[in-house]
Amino acid sequence: MIATCSVQTVPYTWVRQTQPGGIILTPWGTTFDISAVLRLTVDENGDQAVGRIIDGATFMILRAQRPMIPDDFDVISERSRTESISPTFSARMRDSASACMSSTAR
């Protein structure tokens, strides 16, 4: 299986959909750095895939794993061009990022 989007966690459905001995090739990274390519081999039982980073690459993040953008981002973005960012906004962004990262780790 070859993915053309980057993931932070490899969806288990990809492992189940790949035959034992099959290869999963996917860009991988974190919220802050998406620059690696994983080559995983599905084990003989089809239960897990193991492998390693084989190269560097940058791809768009899988939609389900992208960081969430606040509803009022456009208003805040426009305002931030002329004002400093308030501590309240910084805390909301931190909380949004934390919530997004914990939801993708499940």
Protein backbone atom coordinates (compact mmCIF):
# COMPACT_ATOMS: atom_id res chain seq x y z
CA MET A 1 0.00 0.00 0.00
CA ILE A 2 1.37 3.41 -0.92
CA ALA A 3 -0.06 6.46 0.86
CA THR A 4 0.21 9.87 -0.73
CA CYS A 5 -0.61 11.81 2.43
CA SER A 6 1.39 12.11 5.63
CA VAL A 7 0.22 10.50 8.87
CA GLN A 8 1.14 10.94 12.52
CA THR A 9 -0.14 7.48 13.35
CA VAL A 10 -0.56 4.69 10.82
CA PRO A 11 -4.27 3.76 10.71
CA TYR A 12 -4.75 0.16 11.81
CA THR A 13 -7.19 -0.30 8.94
CA TRP A 14 -4.19 -0.02 6.61
CA VAL A 15 -2.55 -2.95 8.40
CA ARG A 16 -5.74 -5.04 8.20
CA GLN A 17 -6.19 -4.22 4.50
CA THR A 18 -2.64 -5.26 3.61
CA GLN A 19 -1.90 -8.94 3.09
CA PRO A 20 0.60 -10.67 5.41
CA GLY A 21 4.08 -9.90 4.12
CA GLY A 22 2.75 -6.82 2.30
CA ILE A 23 4.43 -3.42 2.46
CA ILE A 24 2.96 -0.13 3.72
CA LEU A 25 4.86 2.87 2.41
CA THR A 26 3.76 6.17 3.91
CA PRO A 27 5.02 9.66 4.69
CA TRP A 28 5.10 10.11 8.46
CA GLY A 29 5.73 12.90 10.91
CA THR A 30 4.54 14.97 13.83
CA THR A 31 2.41 18.10 13.96
CA PHE A 32 5.59 20.15 13.65
CA ASP A 33 7.70 18.09 11.24
CA ILE A 34 6.43 15.90 8.41
CA SER A 35 9.55 14.76 6.69
CA ALA A 36 10.01 11.01 6.92
CA VAL A 37 8.94 8.01 4.85
CA LEU A 38 8.10 4.78 6.68
CA ARG A 39 8.41 1.34 5.12
CA LEU A 40 6.42 -1.16 7.16
CA THR A 41 5.97 -4.90 6.57
CA VAL A 42 2.79 -6.59 7.79
CA ASP A 43 3.58 -9.69 9.87
CA GLU A 44 2.55 -13.22 8.90
CA ASN A 45 -0.64 -13.03 11.01
CA GLY A 46 -1.69 -9.66 9.59
CA ASP A 47 -1.86 -8.28 13.15
CA GLN A 48 0.86 -5.66 13.06
CA ALA A 49 3.29 -3.88 10.79
CA VAL A 50 6.90 -3.15 11.68
CA GLY A 51 9.60 -1.28 9.87
CA ARG A 52 11.69 1.84 9.86
CA ILE A 53 12.20 5.27 8.39
CA ILE A 54 13.80 4.90 4.97
CA ASP A 55 13.94 8.42 3.55
CA GLY A 56 12.76 11.99 3.85
CA ALA A 57 9.74 13.53 2.12
CA THR A 58 7.00 16.08 2.71
CA PHE A 59 3.32 15.42 1.96
CA MET A 60 -0.01 16.92 2.97
CA ILE A 61 -1.34 15.56 6.30
CA LEU A 62 -4.20 13.03 6.28
CA ARG A 63 -7.39 15.10 6.74
CA ALA A 64 -8.48 13.15 9.84
CA GLN A 65 -5.15 13.91 11.54
CA ARG A 66 -4.78 17.62 10.71
CA PRO A 67 -4.68 20.13 13.59
CA MET A 68 -8.02 21.79 14.25
CA ILE A 69 -8.37 25.48 13.37
CA PRO A 70 -10.56 27.59 15.71
CA ASP A 71 -13.87 28.85 14.27
CA ASP A 72 -12.77 32.47 14.76
CA PHE A 73 -9.33 31.96 13.17
CA ASP A 74 -9.96 34.46 10.33
CA VAL A 75 -10.97 37.21 12.75
CA ILE A 76 -8.02 36.52 15.03
CA SER A 77 -5.62 36.20 12.10
CA GLU A 78 -6.68 39.57 10.70
CA ARG A 79 -6.47 41.21 14.12
CA SER A 80 -3.03 39.69 14.82
CA ARG A 81 -1.57 41.63 11.92
CA THR A 82 -2.10 44.83 13.90
CA GLU A 83 -2.21 43.64 17.52
CA SER A 84 -0.33 41.27 19.74
CA ILE A 85 -1.96 37.91 20.43
CA SER A 86 -3.76 37.77 23.74
CA PRO A 87 -2.82 35.20 26.40
CA THR A 88 -6.40 33.84 26.15
CA PHE A 89 -5.97 33.09 22.44
CA SER A 90 -2.59 31.49 23.07
CA ALA A 91 -4.15 29.24 25.72
CA ARG A 92 -7.03 28.29 23.36
CA MET A 93 -4.57 27.43 20.59
CA ARG A 94 -2.52 25.32 23.02
CA ASP A 95 -5.67 23.52 24.22
CA SER A 96 -6.88 22.94 20.63
CA ALA A 97 -3.50 21.50 19.64
CA SER A 98 -3.45 19.26 22.73
CA ALA A 99 -6.97 18.01 22.05
CA CYS A 100 -6.14 17.31 18.42
CA MET A 101 -2.95 15.47 19.28
CA SER A 102 -4.66 13.33 21.93
CA SER A 103 -7.53 12.44 19.57
CA THR A 104 -5.13 11.21 16.88
CA ALA A 105 -3.22 9.08 19.39
CA ARG A 106 -6.27 6.89 20.06
